[in-house]
Structure formats: structure tokens, C-alpha cells
Amino acid sequence: MRHIIYSMQFKGKASPAGEEGVMKATTTATSCSIKTVVGNDGVEGSFIPAEGGMAFFESEVRMV
């Protein structure tokens, strides 16, 4: 099986899902490249937009 390495920055919002203490998160992420630079001031990283599609992620979180 081939290995897949990826990282995506999902952005979106959360709102009440109707049940007490439950939130629904709806997020998206665009295709990107990751840039990591080590310099005198430490490590810096950034997401750089790339050609390709989008990923969608939805989840429900229960606060306890």
C-alpha cells in the first residue's frame, strides 16, 4: 500500500445542532502546498494555494 502524506487547513463555522450541548461544524479546505522555513528567528510555516479541488468536512461535537 502506498503512503499518503498530506496536511490541510480547514476553515469554517460551528453552530448549535439543535440538541443541548451539541455543535455542528461545517468546514472546507482548498488544495495547497506547505512551506516550512527554518531561520534565525525559528521555524515558520505557511499554506500556499495550489491548483486542485476542495475538501469538505462536517462533524458534530458534544460538550460534556
PDB file of N, CA and C in Angstrom:
ATOM      1  N   MET A   1       0.844  -1.168   0.000  1.00  0.00           N
ATOM      2  CA  MET A   1       0.000   0.000   0.000  1.00  0.00           C
ATOM      3  C   MET A   1       0.893   1.236   0.000  1.00  0.00           C
ATOM      4  N   ARG A   2       0.583   2.173  -0.869  1.00  0.00           N
ATOM      5  CA  ARG A   2       1.398   3.390  -0.906  1.00  0.00           C
ATOM      6  C   ARG A   2       1.012   4.323   0.232  1.00  0.00           C
ATOM      7  N   HIS A   3       1.978   5.068   0.715  1.00  0.00           N
ATOM      8  CA  HIS A   3       1.756   6.016   1.806  1.00  0.00           C
ATOM      9  C   HIS A   3       1.326   7.357   1.226  1.00  0.00           C
ATOM     10  N   ILE A   4       0.426   8.017   1.916  1.00  0.00           N
ATOM     11  CA  ILE A   4      -0.025   9.349   1.526  1.00  0.00           C
ATOM     12  C   ILE A   4       0.280  10.300   2.678  1.00  0.00           C
ATOM     13  N   ILE A   5       0.968  11.366   2.369  1.00  0.00           N
ATOM     14  CA  ILE A   5       1.259  12.391   3.370  1.00  0.00           C
ATOM     15  C   ILE A   5       0.527  13.656   2.938  1.00  0.00           C
ATOM     16  N   TYR A   6      -0.269  14.210   3.840  1.00  0.00           N
ATOM     17  CA  TYR A   6      -0.988  15.426   3.499  1.00  0.00           C
ATOM     18  C   TYR A   6      -1.275  16.253   4.744  1.00  0.00           C
ATOM     19  N   SER A   7      -1.532  17.509   4.513  1.00  0.00           N
ATOM     20  CA  SER A   7      -1.960  18.415   5.569  1.00  0.00           C
ATOM     21  C   SER A   7      -2.892  19.426   4.929  1.00  0.00           C
ATOM     22  N   MET A   8      -4.013  19.689   5.575  1.00  0.00           N
ATOM     23  CA  MET A   8      -4.976  20.648   5.044  1.00  0.00           C
ATOM     24  C   MET A   8      -5.411  21.583   6.162  1.00  0.00           C
ATOM     25  N   GLN A   9      -5.666  22.818   5.808  1.00  0.00           N
ATOM     26  CA  GLN A   9      -6.130  23.808   6.776  1.00  0.00           C
ATOM     27  C   GLN A   9      -7.626  24.030   6.537  1.00  0.00           C
ATOM     28  N   PHE A  10      -8.438  23.420   7.400  1.00  0.00           N
ATOM     29  CA  PHE A  10      -9.886  23.557   7.276  1.00  0.00           C
ATOM     30  C   PHE A  10     -10.343  24.825   7.989  1.00  0.00           C
ATOM     31  N   LYS A  11     -11.230  25.564   7.341  1.00  0.00           N
ATOM     32  CA  LYS A  11     -11.806  26.780   7.918  1.00  0.00           C
ATOM     33  C   LYS A  11     -13.315  26.698   7.769  1.00  0.00           C
ATOM     34  N   GLY A  12     -14.030  27.217   8.757  1.00  0.00           N
ATOM     35  CA  GLY A  12     -15.481  27.186   8.669  1.00  0.00           C
ATOM     36  C   GLY A  12     -16.117  27.760   9.906  1.00  0.00           C
ATOM     37  N   LYS A  13     -17.271  27.206  10.252  1.00  0.00           N
ATOM     38  CA  LYS A  13     -18.007  27.724  11.396  1.00  0.00           C
ATOM     39  C   LYS A  13     -18.687  26.586  12.133  1.00  0.00           C
ATOM     40  N   ALA A  14     -19.048  26.873  13.377  1.00  0.00           N
ATOM     41  CA  ALA A  14     -19.804  25.923  14.196  1.00  0.00           C
ATOM     42  C   ALA A  14     -21.079  26.613  14.651  1.00  0.00           C
ATOM     43  N   SER A  15     -22.144  25.836  14.726  1.00  0.00           N
ATOM     44  CA  SER A  15     -23.421  26.379  15.177  1.00  0.00           C
ATOM     45  C   SER A  15     -24.161  25.310  15.967  1.00  0.00           C
ATOM     46  N   PRO A  16     -25.109  25.719  16.806  1.00  0.00           N
ATOM     47  CA  PRO A  16     -25.866  24.734  17.580  1.00  0.00           C
ATOM     48  C   PRO A  16     -26.556  23.731  16.657  1.00  0.00           C
ATOM     49  N   ALA A  17     -26.524  22.451  17.048  1.00  0.00           N
ATOM     50  CA  ALA A  17     -27.105  21.391  16.220  1.00  0.00           C
ATOM     51  C   ALA A  17     -28.527  21.044  16.644  1.00  0.00           C
ATOM     52  N   GLY A  18     -29.087  21.781  17.569  1.00  0.00           N
ATOM     53  CA  GLY A  18     -30.457  21.525  17.988  1.00  0.00           C
ATOM     54  C   GLY A  18     -30.557  20.870  19.348  1.00  0.00           C
ATOM     55  N   GLU A  19     -29.658  19.962  19.646  1.00  0.00           N
ATOM     56  CA  GLU A  19     -29.642  19.283  20.940  1.00  0.00           C
ATOM     57  C   GLU A  19     -28.739  20.062  21.895  1.00  0.00           C
ATOM     58  N   GLU A  20     -29.133  20.148  23.152  1.00  0.00           N
ATOM     59  CA  GLU A  20     -28.356  20.864  24.170  1.00  0.00           C
ATOM     60  C   GLU A  20     -26.914  20.361  24.205  1.00  0.00           C
ATOM     61  N   GLY A  21     -25.946  21.271  24.103  1.00  0.00           N
ATOM     62  CA  GLY A  21     -24.538  20.918  24.209  1.00  0.00           C
ATOM     63  C   GLY A  21     -23.926  20.307  22.961  1.00  0.00           C
ATOM     64  N   VAL A  22     -24.654  20.322  21.835  1.00  0.00           N
ATOM     65  CA  VAL A  22     -24.128  19.744  20.592  1.00  0.00           C
ATOM     66  C   VAL A  22     -23.934  20.863  19.572  1.00  0.00           C
ATOM     67  N   MET A  23     -22.754  20.891  18.966  1.00  0.00           N
ATOM     68  CA  MET A  23     -22.432  21.870  17.930  1.00  0.00           C
ATOM     69  C   MET A  23     -22.143  21.128  16.634  1.00  0.00           C
ATOM     70  N   LYS A  24     -22.539  21.718  15.510  1.00  0.00           N
ATOM     71  CA  LYS A  24     -22.228  21.157  14.201  1.00  0.00           C
ATOM     72  C   LYS A  24     -21.208  22.067  13.532  1.00  0.00           C
ATOM     73  N   ALA A  25     -20.099  21.490  13.104  1.00  0.00           N
ATOM     74  CA  ALA A  25     -19.050  22.241  12.414  1.00  0.00           C
ATOM     75  C   ALA A  25     -19.105  21.916  10.925  1.00  0.00           C
ATOM     76  N   THR A  26     -19.073  22.947  10.097  1.00  0.00           N
ATOM     77  CA  THR A  26     -19.039  22.801   8.647  1.00  0.00           C
ATOM     78  C   THR A  26     -17.811  23.554   8.153  1.00  0.00           C
ATOM     79  N   THR A  27     -16.874  22.829   7.521  1.00  0.00           N
ATOM     80  CA  THR A  27     -15.608  23.444   7.127  1.00  0.00           C
ATOM     81  C   THR A  27     -15.205  23.020   5.719  1.00  0.00           C
ATOM     82  N   THR A  28     -14.308  23.794   5.116  1.00  0.00           N
ATOM     83  CA  THR A  28     -13.749  23.468   3.808  1.00  0.00           C
ATOM     84  C   THR A  28     -12.248  23.744   3.822  1.00  0.00           C
ATOM     85  N   ALA A  29     -11.548  23.105   2.897  1.00  0.00           N
ATOM     86  CA  ALA A  29     -10.112  23.337   2.719  1.00  0.00           C
ATOM     87  C   ALA A  29      -9.798  23.277   1.230  1.00  0.00           C
ATOM     88  N   THR A  30      -8.960  24.179   0.769  1.00  0.00           N
ATOM     89  CA  THR A  30      -8.545  24.167  -0.631  1.00  0.00           C
ATOM     90  C   THR A  30      -7.245  23.385  -0.774  1.00  0.00           C
ATOM     91  N   SER A  31      -6.956  22.980  -1.997  1.00  0.00           N
ATOM     92  CA  SER A  31      -5.678  22.332  -2.265  1.00  0.00           C
ATOM     93  C   SER A  31      -4.560  23.311  -1.935  1.00  0.00           C
ATOM     94  N   CYS A  32      -3.457  22.801  -1.402  1.00  0.00           N
ATOM     95  CA  CYS A  32      -2.368  23.696  -1.020  1.00  0.00           C
ATOM     96  C   CYS A  32      -1.039  22.958  -0.964  1.00  0.00           C
ATOM     97  N   SER A  33       0.011  23.738  -0.960  1.00  0.00           N
ATOM     98  CA  SER A  33       1.360  23.259  -0.675  1.00  0.00           C
ATOM     99  C   SER A  33       1.744  23.832   0.679  1.00  0.00           C
ATOM    100  N   ILE A  34       2.645  23.161   1.358  1.00  0.00           N
ATOM    101  CA  ILE A  34       3.103  23.641   2.656  1.00  0.00           C
ATOM    102  C   ILE A  34       4.559  24.067   2.531  1.00  0.00           C
ATOM    103  N   LYS A  35       4.861  25.236   3.060  1.00  0.00           N
ATOM    104  CA  LYS A  35       6.231  25.750   3.038  1.00  0.00           C
ATOM    105  C   LYS A  35       6.720  25.860   4.472  1.00  0.00           C
ATOM    106  N   THR A  36       7.877  25.274   4.761  1.00  0.00           N
ATOM    107  CA  THR A  36       8.493  25.353   6.080  1.00  0.00           C
ATOM    108  C   THR A  36       9.881  25.958   5.919  1.00  0.00           C
ATOM    109  N   VAL A  37      10.166  26.997   6.711  1.00  0.00           N
ATOM    110  CA  VAL A  37      11.463  27.666   6.645  1.00  0.00           C
ATOM    111  C   VAL A  37      12.039  27.742   8.053  1.00  0.00           C
ATOM    112  N   VAL A  38      13.288  27.311   8.200  1.00  0.00           N
ATOM    113  CA  VAL A  38      13.991  27.422   9.472  1.00  0.00           C
ATOM    114  C   VAL A  38      14.995  28.557   9.326  1.00  0.00           C
ATOM    115  N   GLY A  39      14.860  29.566  10.172  1.00  0.00           N
ATOM    116  CA  GLY A  39      15.739  30.729  10.097  1.00  0.00           C
ATOM    117  C   GLY A  39      16.269  31.111  11.460  1.00  0.00           C
ATOM    118  N   ASN A  40      16.912  32.257  11.535  1.00  0.00           N
ATOM    119  CA  ASN A  40      17.486  32.736  12.790  1.00  0.00           C
ATOM    120  C   ASN A  40      16.432  32.969  13.869  1.00  0.00           C
ATOM    121  N   ASP A  41      15.210  33.304  13.463  1.00  0.00           N
ATOM    122  CA  ASP A  41      14.129  33.574  14.413  1.00  0.00           C
ATOM    123  C   ASP A  41      13.293  32.338  14.732  1.00  0.00           C
ATOM    124  N   GLY A  42      13.666  31.182  14.206  1.00  0.00           N
ATOM    125  CA  GLY A  42      12.920  29.957  14.483  1.00  0.00           C
ATOM    126  C   GLY A  42      12.305  29.370  13.225  1.00  0.00           C
ATOM    127  N   VAL A  43      11.261  28.591  13.423  1.00  0.00           N
ATOM    128  CA  VAL A  43      10.594  27.899  12.320  1.00  0.00           C
ATOM    129  C   VAL A  43       9.341  28.670  11.923  1.00  0.00           C
ATOM    130  N   GLU A  44       9.148  28.834  10.623  1.00  0.00           N
ATOM    131  CA  GLU A  44       7.938  29.462  10.095  1.00  0.00           C
ATOM    132  C   GLU A  44       7.307  28.515   9.090  1.00  0.00           C
ATOM    133  N   GLY A  45       5.995  28.487   9.074  1.00  0.00           N
ATOM    134  CA  GLY A  45       5.289  27.647   8.121  1.00  0.00           C
ATOM    135  C   GLY A  45       4.131  28.395   7.500  1.00  0.00           C
ATOM    136  N   SER A  46       3.774  28.004   6.280  1.00  0.00           N
ATOM    137  CA  SER A  46       2.632  28.635   5.625  1.00  0.00           C
ATOM    138  C   SER A  46       1.982  27.662   4.654  1.00  0.00           C
ATOM    139  N   PHE A  47       0.692  27.889   4.401  1.00  0.00           N
ATOM    140  CA  PHE A  47      -0.056  27.146   3.402  1.00  0.00           C
ATOM    141  C   PHE A  47      -0.105  28.003   2.144  1.00  0.00           C
ATOM    142  N   ILE A  48       0.246  27.429   1.005  1.00  0.00           N
ATOM    143  CA  ILE A  48       0.277  28.155  -0.255  1.00  0.00           C
ATOM    144  C   ILE A  48      -0.787  27.551  -1.171  1.00  0.00           C
ATOM    145  N   PRO A  49      -1.749  28.350  -1.663  1.00  0.00           N
ATOM    146  CA  PRO A  49      -2.790  27.809  -2.541  1.00  0.00           C
ATOM    147  C   PRO A  49      -2.190  27.086  -3.742  1.00  0.00           C
ATOM    148  N   ALA A  50      -2.829  25.986  -4.145  1.00  0.00           N
ATOM    149  CA  ALA A  50      -2.363  25.199  -5.284  1.00  0.00           C
ATOM    150  C   ALA A  50      -3.568  24.825  -6.145  1.00  0.00           C
ATOM    151  N   GLU A  51      -3.311  24.497  -7.405  1.00  0.00           N
ATOM    152  CA  GLU A  51      -4.391  24.052  -8.283  1.00  0.00           C
ATOM    153  C   GLU A  51      -4.966  22.748  -7.753  1.00  0.00           C
ATOM    154  N   GLY A  52      -6.244  22.570  -7.935  1.00  0.00           N
ATOM    155  CA  GLY A  52      -6.897  21.347  -7.490  1.00  0.00           C
ATOM    156  C   GLY A  52      -8.264  21.652  -6.925  1.00  0.00           C
ATOM    157  N   GLY A  53      -8.811  20.698  -6.234  1.00  0.00           N
ATOM    158  CA  GLY A  53     -10.167  20.818  -5.720  1.00  0.00           C
ATOM    159  C   GLY A  53     -10.232  21.265  -4.281  1.00  0.00           C
ATOM    160  N   MET A  54     -11.420  21.060  -3.719  1.00  0.00           N
ATOM    161  CA  MET A  54     -11.673  21.414  -2.326  1.00  0.00           C
ATOM    162  C   MET A  54     -12.079  20.160  -1.565  1.00  0.00           C
ATOM    163  N   ALA A  55     -11.832  20.182  -0.269  1.00  0.00           N
ATOM    164  CA  ALA A  55     -12.283  19.115   0.628  1.00  0.00           C
ATOM    165  C   ALA A  55     -13.320  19.715   1.568  1.00  0.00           C
ATOM    166  N   PHE A  56     -14.323  18.924   1.910  1.00  0.00           N
ATOM    167  CA  PHE A  56     -15.392  19.362   2.807  1.00  0.00           C
ATOM    168  C   PHE A  56     -15.400  18.458   4.025  1.00  0.00           C
ATOM    169  N   PHE A  57     -15.601  19.038   5.203  1.00  0.00           N
ATOM    170  CA  PHE A  57     -15.616  18.263   6.442  1.00  0.00           C
ATOM    171  C   PHE A  57     -16.730  18.786   7.334  1.00  0.00           C
ATOM    172  N   GLU A  58     -17.601  17.887   7.768  1.00  0.00           N
ATOM    173  CA  GLU A  58     -18.658  18.233   8.715  1.00  0.00           C
ATOM    174  C   GLU A  58     -18.555  17.300   9.906  1.00  0.00           C
ATOM    175  N   SER A  59     -18.797  17.836  11.091  1.00  0.00           N
ATOM    176  CA  SER A  59     -18.770  16.997  12.289  1.00  0.00           C
ATOM    177  C   SER A  59     -19.693  17.578  13.343  1.00  0.00           C
ATOM    178  N   GLU A  60     -20.063  16.737  14.288  1.00  0.00           N
ATOM    179  CA  GLU A  60     -20.824  17.182  15.445  1.00  0.00           C
ATOM    180  C   GLU A  60     -19.977  16.968  16.679  1.00  0.00           C
ATOM    181  N   VAL A  61     -19.971  17.974  17.544  1.00  0.00           N
ATOM    182  CA  VAL A  61     -19.189  17.919  18.774  1.00  0.00           C
ATOM    183  C   VAL A  61     -20.150  18.012  19.949  1.00  0.00           C
ATOM    184  N   ARG A  62     -20.012  17.098  20.890  1.00  0.00           N
ATOM    185  CA  ARG A  62     -20.851  17.094  22.091  1.00  0.00           C
ATOM    186  C   ARG A  62     -20.038  17.635  23.257  1.00  0.00           C
ATOM    187  N   MET A  63     -20.511  18.711  23.876  1.00  0.00           N
ATOM    188  CA  MET A  63     -19.851  19.312  25.033  1.00  0.00           C
ATOM    189  C   MET A  63     -20.318  18.583  26.289  1.00  0.00           C
ATOM    190  N   VAL A  64     -19.372  18.046  27.050  1.00  0.00           N
ATOM    191  CA  VAL A  64     -19.727  17.334  28.296  1.00  0.00           C
ATOM    192  C   VAL A  64     -18.995  17.925  29.477  1.00  0.00           C
TER     193      VAL A  64
END
